[in-house]
Amino acid sequence: MGCLIVILVFLFSPRFAGLIFWIFTNWFDKAYQTWYWPLLGWIFLPLTTLAYMWAYLSTDGDITGGWIALIVFAVLVDLGSNAASKKKSE
């Protein structure tokens, strides 16, 4: 059940989840060397930012294989949602 909740949070509100992780954990500090990459990711590609953080923390920085596939999937979902929102506004 816990995994289902995490999946739903990431899919439906990645910006909110990222904000919660940034405030209450130090995971962004471990995964990113500076503060501006997570901030830019939170603005433009929130799901990708969270996927990279998860991959980095799970592998201690050696991201390979399935983790790369997860990050690529997150990029595609973020770009798809950005394109869909632009199409709606036209």
Foldseek 3Di string as FASTA:
>chain_A
DVVVVVVCCLLPPLLVVLVCCVVPHCLCVQQDVDDVVQVVCSVQQSSLSVLSSVQCVVVVNPRDDPSVVSSVVSVVSSVVVVVVVVVVVD
